[in-house]
N, C-alpha and C. Protein backbone atom coordinates (compact mmCIF):
# COMPACT_ATOMS: atom_id res chain seq x y z
N SER A 1 3.88 -39.25 13.63
CA SER A 1 3.52 -40.69 13.11
C SER A 1 3.18 -40.84 11.65
N PRO A 2 3.21 -41.93 11.28
CA PRO A 2 3.02 -41.83 9.58
C PRO A 2 1.41 -41.80 9.53
N ALA A 3 0.72 -42.33 10.32
CA ALA A 3 -0.97 -42.14 10.14
C ALA A 3 -1.24 -40.51 10.35
N GLY A 4 -0.70 -40.02 11.28
CA GLY A 4 -0.96 -38.52 11.35
C GLY A 4 -0.37 -37.69 10.14
N MET A 5 0.64 -38.03 9.66
CA MET A 5 1.24 -37.33 8.46
C MET A 5 0.13 -37.50 7.26
N ALA A 6 -0.13 -38.61 7.14
CA ALA A 6 -0.89 -39.16 5.77
C ALA A 6 -2.30 -38.48 6.12
N LEU A 7 -2.90 -38.30 7.20
CA LEU A 7 -4.02 -37.50 7.54
C LEU A 7 -3.94 -35.80 7.16
N SER A 8 -2.82 -35.53 7.78
CA SER A 8 -2.59 -34.20 7.51
C SER A 8 -2.26 -33.72 5.87
N VAL A 9 -1.60 -34.90 5.21
CA VAL A 9 -1.43 -34.67 3.86
C VAL A 9 -2.92 -34.40 3.00
N LEU A 10 -3.74 -35.51 3.36
CA LEU A 10 -5.21 -35.72 2.89
C LEU A 10 -5.94 -34.44 3.24
N VAL A 11 -5.75 -34.08 4.31
CA VAL A 11 -6.42 -32.86 4.82
C VAL A 11 -5.95 -31.48 4.00
N ILE A 12 -4.95 -31.18 3.83
CA ILE A 12 -4.35 -30.20 3.07
C ILE A 12 -4.87 -30.26 1.47
N LEU A 13 -4.58 -31.46 1.14
CA LEU A 13 -5.04 -31.68 -0.29
C LEU A 13 -6.76 -31.45 -0.37
N LEU A 14 -7.41 -31.83 0.45
CA LEU A 14 -8.61 -31.43 0.48
C LEU A 14 -8.99 -29.99 0.33
N LEU A 15 -8.41 -29.50 1.31
CA LEU A 15 -8.40 -27.89 1.46
C LEU A 15 -8.16 -27.04 0.39
N SER A 16 -7.15 -27.45 -0.49
CA SER A 16 -6.64 -26.91 -1.76
C SER A 16 -7.85 -27.21 -2.58
N VAL A 17 -8.37 -28.55 -2.96
CA VAL A 17 -9.37 -28.74 -3.67
C VAL A 17 -10.45 -27.80 -3.26
N LEU A 18 -11.17 -27.56 -2.14
CA LEU A 18 -11.95 -26.75 -2.01
C LEU A 18 -11.93 -25.52 -2.07
N TYR A 19 -10.76 -24.82 -2.17
CA TYR A 19 -10.29 -23.55 -2.32
C TYR A 19 -10.41 -23.08 -4.02
N GLU A 20 -9.96 -24.09 -4.74
CA GLU A 20 -10.20 -23.88 -6.01
C GLU A 20 -11.89 -24.30 -6.66
N ALA A 21 -12.40 -24.92 -5.71
CA ALA A 21 -13.87 -24.93 -5.90
C ALA A 21 -14.61 -23.59 -5.84
N VAL A 22 -14.15 -23.11 -4.55
CA VAL A 22 -14.74 -21.76 -3.94
C VAL A 22 -14.36 -20.74 -5.08
N LYS A 23 -13.42 -20.77 -5.62
CA LYS A 23 -12.87 -19.73 -6.55
C LYS A 23 -13.67 -19.87 -7.88
N MET A 24 -13.94 -20.99 -8.19
CA MET A 24 -14.75 -21.35 -9.46
C MET A 24 -16.08 -20.92 -9.37
N GLY A 25 -16.66 -21.19 -8.04
CA GLY A 25 -18.08 -20.65 -7.71
C GLY A 25 -18.13 -19.35 -7.49
N LYS A 26 -17.33 -18.59 -6.90
CA LYS A 26 -17.26 -16.99 -7.13
C LYS A 26 -17.44 -16.54 -8.57
N ALA A 27 -16.45 -17.06 -9.30
CA ALA A 27 -16.47 -16.87 -10.84
C ALA A 27 -17.91 -16.94 -11.37
N VAL A 28 -18.55 -18.12 -11.28
CA VAL A 28 -20.11 -18.44 -11.65
C VAL A 28 -20.81 -17.40 -10.96
N LEU A 29 -20.88 -17.03 -9.92
CA LEU A 29 -21.77 -16.30 -9.18
C LEU A 29 -21.65 -14.66 -9.89
N LEU A 30 -20.21 -14.42 -10.09
CA LEU A 30 -20.17 -13.02 -10.64
C LEU A 30 -20.70 -13.00 -11.89
N ARG A 31 -20.74 -13.95 -12.84
CA ARG A 31 -21.53 -13.91 -14.25
C ARG A 31 -23.04 -13.95 -13.94
N ARG A 32 -23.38 -14.61 -13.09
CA ARG A 32 -24.85 -14.33 -12.74
C ARG A 32 -25.08 -12.99 -12.24
N ALA A 33 -24.32 -12.37 -11.41
CA ALA A 33 -24.66 -11.02 -10.81
C ALA A 33 -24.44 -10.17 -11.92
N LEU A 34 -23.70 -10.27 -12.97
CA LEU A 34 -23.50 -9.50 -13.96
C LEU A 34 -25.00 -9.61 -15.08
N LEU A 35 -25.39 -10.76 -15.34
CA LEU A 35 -26.45 -10.96 -15.92
C LEU A 35 -27.76 -10.25 -15.30
N ALA A 36 -27.62 -10.28 -14.05
CA ALA A 36 -28.87 -9.53 -13.11
C ALA A 36 -28.75 -8.11 -13.22
N LEU A 37 -27.69 -7.54 -13.71
CA LEU A 37 -27.84 -5.95 -13.49
C LEU A 37 -28.41 -5.50 -14.57
N PRO A 38 -29.22 -4.21 -14.29
CA PRO A 38 -30.17 -3.78 -15.27
C PRO A 38 -29.22 -3.17 -16.39
N ARG A 39 -29.88 -2.96 -17.58
CA ARG A 39 -29.19 -2.48 -18.67
C ARG A 39 -28.46 -1.05 -18.50
N SER A 40 -29.56 -0.35 -17.75
CA SER A 40 -29.08 1.19 -17.31
C SER A 40 -28.76 1.29 -16.22
N LEU A 41 -27.39 1.78 -15.83
CA LEU A 41 -26.93 1.94 -14.52
C LEU A 41 -27.35 3.03 -13.72
N SER A 42 -28.39 3.61 -14.15
CA SER A 42 -28.72 4.97 -13.34
C SER A 42 -29.36 4.63 -11.89
N GLN A 43 -29.61 5.34 -10.97
CA GLN A 43 -29.66 5.22 -9.73
C GLN A 43 -31.61 4.41 -9.84
N GLU A 44 -32.43 5.20 -10.58
CA GLU A 44 -33.49 4.76 -11.06
C GLU A 44 -33.79 3.20 -11.32
N ALA A 45 -32.85 2.89 -12.16
CA ALA A 45 -32.88 1.54 -12.68
C ALA A 45 -32.17 0.66 -11.69
N LEU A 46 -31.42 0.91 -10.72
CA LEU A 46 -30.73 0.07 -9.86
C LEU A 46 -31.87 0.04 -8.65
N THR A 47 -32.43 0.78 -8.39
CA THR A 47 -33.27 0.79 -7.15
C THR A 47 -34.79 -0.04 -7.63
N GLU A 48 -34.78 0.03 -8.80
CA GLU A 48 -36.24 -0.75 -9.42
C GLU A 48 -37.54 -0.31 -8.98
N PRO A 49 -37.60 1.08 -9.30
CA PRO A 49 -39.00 1.61 -8.50
C PRO A 49 -40.27 0.80 -9.12
N GLN A 50 -41.26 0.81 -8.54
CA GLN A 50 -42.48 0.36 -8.74
C GLN A 50 -43.23 1.11 -9.63
N GLU A 51 -44.33 0.57 -10.34
CA GLU A 51 -45.11 1.66 -11.32
C GLU A 51 -46.12 2.13 -10.27
N GLY A 52 -46.43 3.54 -10.37
CA GLY A 52 -47.32 4.31 -9.87
C GLY A 52 -47.27 4.13 -8.25
N ASP A 53 -46.08 4.22 -7.69
CA ASP A 53 -46.00 3.98 -5.89
C ASP A 53 -45.80 5.12 -5.69
N GLY A 54 -46.27 6.34 -6.22
CA GLY A 54 -46.27 7.73 -5.60
C GLY A 54 -45.08 8.27 -4.93
N GLY A 55 -43.94 7.95 -5.47
CA GLY A 55 -42.61 8.35 -5.00
C GLY A 55 -42.26 9.89 -5.10
N PRO A 56 -41.19 10.41 -4.58
CA PRO A 56 -41.22 11.63 -4.44
C PRO A 56 -40.89 12.44 -6.11
N THR A 57 -41.25 13.59 -5.86
CA THR A 57 -41.22 14.19 -7.07
C THR A 57 -39.94 14.45 -7.75
N GLN A 58 -39.86 14.70 -8.94
CA GLN A 58 -38.64 14.94 -9.81
C GLN A 58 -37.66 15.76 -8.90
N GLY A 59 -36.50 15.46 -8.91
CA GLY A 59 -35.22 16.47 -8.53
C GLY A 59 -35.37 16.27 -7.07
N SER A 60 -36.20 15.50 -6.19
CA SER A 60 -36.02 15.77 -4.81
C SER A 60 -35.78 14.50 -4.29
N PRO A 61 -34.48 14.11 -3.95
CA PRO A 61 -34.05 12.92 -3.53
C PRO A 61 -34.43 12.72 -2.17
N SER A 62 -34.96 11.48 -1.83
CA SER A 62 -35.32 11.29 -0.46
C SER A 62 -35.16 9.77 0.04
N LEU A 63 -35.06 9.61 1.11
CA LEU A 63 -34.78 8.15 1.55
C LEU A 63 -35.79 7.12 1.27
N THR A 64 -37.19 7.76 1.05
CA THR A 64 -38.38 6.96 0.91
C THR A 64 -38.24 6.51 -0.81
N ALA A 65 -37.43 6.96 -1.64
CA ALA A 65 -37.28 6.53 -2.88
C ALA A 65 -36.72 5.40 -2.97
N PHE A 66 -35.93 4.67 -1.66
CA PHE A 66 -35.39 3.36 -1.97
C PHE A 66 -36.44 2.28 -1.67
N PRO A 67 -36.45 1.31 -2.41
CA PRO A 67 -37.54 0.32 -2.05
C PRO A 67 -37.24 -0.52 -0.78
N ILE A 68 -38.35 -1.07 -0.42
CA ILE A 68 -38.42 -2.06 0.89
C ILE A 68 -37.24 -3.27 0.50
N SER A 69 -37.46 -3.82 -0.51
CA SER A 69 -36.79 -4.99 -0.46
C SER A 69 -35.44 -4.81 -1.55
N PHE A 70 -34.29 -5.45 -1.42
CA PHE A 70 -33.19 -5.29 -2.06
C PHE A 70 -33.35 -5.79 -3.38
N PRO A 71 -32.81 -5.37 -4.55
CA PRO A 71 -32.74 -5.81 -6.02
C PRO A 71 -31.91 -7.04 -5.86
N ARG A 72 -32.22 -7.84 -6.88
CA ARG A 72 -31.80 -9.23 -7.02
C ARG A 72 -30.11 -9.09 -7.12
N TRP A 73 -29.44 -7.87 -7.90
CA TRP A 73 -28.09 -7.96 -8.13
C TRP A 73 -27.32 -7.81 -6.39
N PHE A 74 -28.02 -6.97 -5.64
CA PHE A 74 -27.28 -6.89 -4.38
C PHE A 74 -27.24 -8.22 -3.57
N TRP A 75 -28.39 -9.21 -3.81
CA TRP A 75 -27.92 -10.50 -3.03
C TRP A 75 -26.97 -11.19 -3.95
N PHE A 76 -26.60 -11.00 -5.04
CA PHE A 76 -25.63 -11.75 -5.77
C PHE A 76 -24.20 -11.08 -5.16
N HIS A 77 -24.30 -9.93 -4.87
CA HIS A 77 -23.08 -9.35 -4.34
C HIS A 77 -22.80 -9.67 -2.87
N VAL A 78 -23.72 -9.99 -2.09
CA VAL A 78 -23.74 -10.62 -0.76
C VAL A 78 -23.03 -12.14 -1.12
N GLY A 79 -23.49 -12.90 -1.84
CA GLY A 79 -23.25 -14.09 -2.00
C GLY A 79 -21.61 -14.01 -2.44
N GLN A 80 -21.24 -13.09 -3.40
CA GLN A 80 -19.93 -13.09 -3.66
C GLN A 80 -19.01 -12.60 -2.47
N THR A 81 -19.54 -11.78 -1.77
CA THR A 81 -18.75 -11.44 -0.58
C THR A 81 -18.32 -12.56 0.30
N LEU A 82 -19.55 -13.25 0.41
CA LEU A 82 -19.45 -14.65 1.52
C LEU A 82 -18.49 -15.54 0.69
N PHE A 83 -18.58 -15.85 -0.53
CA PHE A 83 -17.50 -16.72 -1.04
C PHE A 83 -16.27 -16.01 -1.03
N HIS A 84 -15.82 -14.78 -1.27
CA HIS A 84 -14.73 -14.25 -1.13
C HIS A 84 -14.02 -14.34 0.54
N VAL A 85 -15.03 -14.30 1.29
CA VAL A 85 -14.28 -14.54 2.94
C VAL A 85 -13.98 -15.92 2.91
N VAL A 86 -14.80 -16.98 2.39
CA VAL A 86 -14.28 -18.30 2.66
C VAL A 86 -12.84 -18.62 1.54
N GLN A 87 -13.00 -18.09 0.77
CA GLN A 87 -11.78 -18.34 -0.12
C GLN A 87 -10.48 -17.78 0.54
N VAL A 88 -10.56 -16.67 1.20
CA VAL A 88 -9.42 -15.97 1.97
C VAL A 88 -9.16 -17.09 3.06
N VAL A 89 -10.10 -17.18 3.81
CA VAL A 89 -9.81 -18.21 4.76
C VAL A 89 -9.09 -19.44 4.48
N LEU A 90 -9.62 -20.09 3.52
CA LEU A 90 -9.07 -21.38 3.00
C LEU A 90 -7.56 -21.05 2.71
N GLY A 91 -7.42 -19.98 1.90
CA GLY A 91 -5.99 -19.77 1.25
C GLY A 91 -5.04 -19.51 2.41
N TYR A 92 -5.54 -18.76 3.48
CA TYR A 92 -4.59 -18.43 4.56
C TYR A 92 -4.00 -19.93 5.07
N MET A 93 -5.41 -20.75 5.34
CA MET A 93 -4.99 -21.99 5.99
C MET A 93 -4.08 -22.83 5.35
N VAL A 94 -4.16 -22.98 3.94
CA VAL A 94 -3.30 -23.73 3.06
C VAL A 94 -1.73 -23.04 3.17
N MET A 95 -1.71 -21.57 3.16
CA MET A 95 -0.49 -21.03 3.12
C MET A 95 0.15 -21.34 4.49
N LEU A 96 -0.44 -21.41 5.74
CA LEU A 96 0.19 -21.64 6.99
C LEU A 96 0.44 -23.09 7.00
N ALA A 97 -0.10 -23.89 6.35
CA ALA A 97 0.35 -25.57 6.39
C ALA A 97 1.52 -25.51 5.43
N VAL A 98 1.67 -24.87 4.38
CA VAL A 98 2.95 -24.75 3.37
C VAL A 98 4.06 -24.36 4.17
N MET A 99 3.76 -23.23 5.13
CA MET A 99 4.99 -22.68 5.77
C MET A 99 5.41 -23.37 7.07
N SER A 100 4.99 -24.66 7.05
CA SER A 100 5.31 -25.66 7.96
C SER A 100 6.97 -26.24 7.46
N TYR A 101 7.11 -26.01 6.04
CA TYR A 101 8.35 -26.44 5.57
C TYR A 101 8.33 -27.81 5.35
N ASN A 102 7.37 -28.59 5.48
CA ASN A 102 7.14 -29.88 5.08
C ASN A 102 7.11 -30.31 3.45
N ALA A 103 7.79 -31.22 3.09
CA ALA A 103 7.62 -31.33 1.86
C ALA A 103 6.45 -31.98 1.31
N TRP A 104 5.94 -33.02 1.94
CA TRP A 104 4.70 -33.70 1.76
C TRP A 104 3.61 -32.68 1.82
N ILE A 105 3.65 -32.09 2.75
CA ILE A 105 2.44 -31.00 3.12
C ILE A 105 2.27 -30.17 1.69
N PHE A 106 3.67 -29.65 1.22
CA PHE A 106 3.85 -28.58 0.11
C PHE A 106 3.28 -29.61 -1.22
N LEU A 107 3.55 -30.90 -1.29
CA LEU A 107 2.87 -31.36 -2.54
C LEU A 107 1.70 -31.66 -2.28
N ALA A 108 1.07 -32.06 -1.24
CA ALA A 108 -0.41 -32.05 -1.03
C ALA A 108 -0.96 -30.88 -1.47
N ALA A 109 -0.58 -29.83 -1.00
CA ALA A 109 -1.14 -28.30 -1.45
C ALA A 109 -1.21 -28.12 -3.15
N ILE A 110 -0.10 -28.56 -3.75
CA ILE A 110 0.11 -28.49 -5.06
C ILE A 110 -0.92 -29.26 -5.82
N ALA A 111 -0.94 -30.62 -5.32
CA ALA A 111 -1.50 -31.60 -5.92
C ALA A 111 -3.24 -31.22 -5.65
N GLY A 112 -3.39 -30.80 -4.49
CA GLY A 112 -4.88 -30.52 -4.14
C GLY A 112 -5.42 -29.23 -5.27
N SER A 113 -4.36 -28.25 -5.39
CA SER A 113 -4.86 -26.94 -6.30
C SER A 113 -4.93 -27.51 -7.64
N THR A 114 -3.96 -28.49 -8.04
CA THR A 114 -3.93 -28.99 -9.45
C THR A 114 -5.41 -29.78 -9.65
N LEU A 115 -5.63 -30.78 -9.00
CA LEU A 115 -6.66 -31.56 -8.95
C LEU A 115 -8.16 -30.63 -8.95
N GLY A 116 -8.16 -29.68 -8.02
CA GLY A 116 -9.29 -28.63 -7.98
C GLY A 116 -9.54 -27.99 -9.07
N TYR A 117 -8.41 -27.51 -9.84
CA TYR A 117 -8.56 -26.73 -10.99
C TYR A 117 -9.06 -27.64 -12.02
N PHE A 118 -8.54 -28.70 -12.25
CA PHE A 118 -8.83 -29.72 -13.26
C PHE A 118 -10.31 -29.96 -13.24
N MET A 119 -11.04 -30.31 -11.71
CA MET A 119 -12.15 -30.67 -11.92
C MET A 119 -13.21 -29.36 -12.24
């Protein structure tokens, strides 16, 4: 039916816009994660040890050397991973819709991707 087709075109257009928005959000989160990384990439700097915590002596690595809470950059990485999963799922959904070989669906995917990139 024409109404069903119009609704399908609109849904694919919105999915394509959302795909581009997630892609942009992932890039913004990557920038924040890079800013949250410590300047030194040594193991001590990444685990952010506390002053005077009575950790293990030098040269004896131990599981107790790791802090209880995760550093800030770790949570940015978790966020990036979730954004990536959403982006992959949306990408496959749009791809499957385009593989229906319907010209209107194809044009909606292209228009939504263009609109999402422009925004």
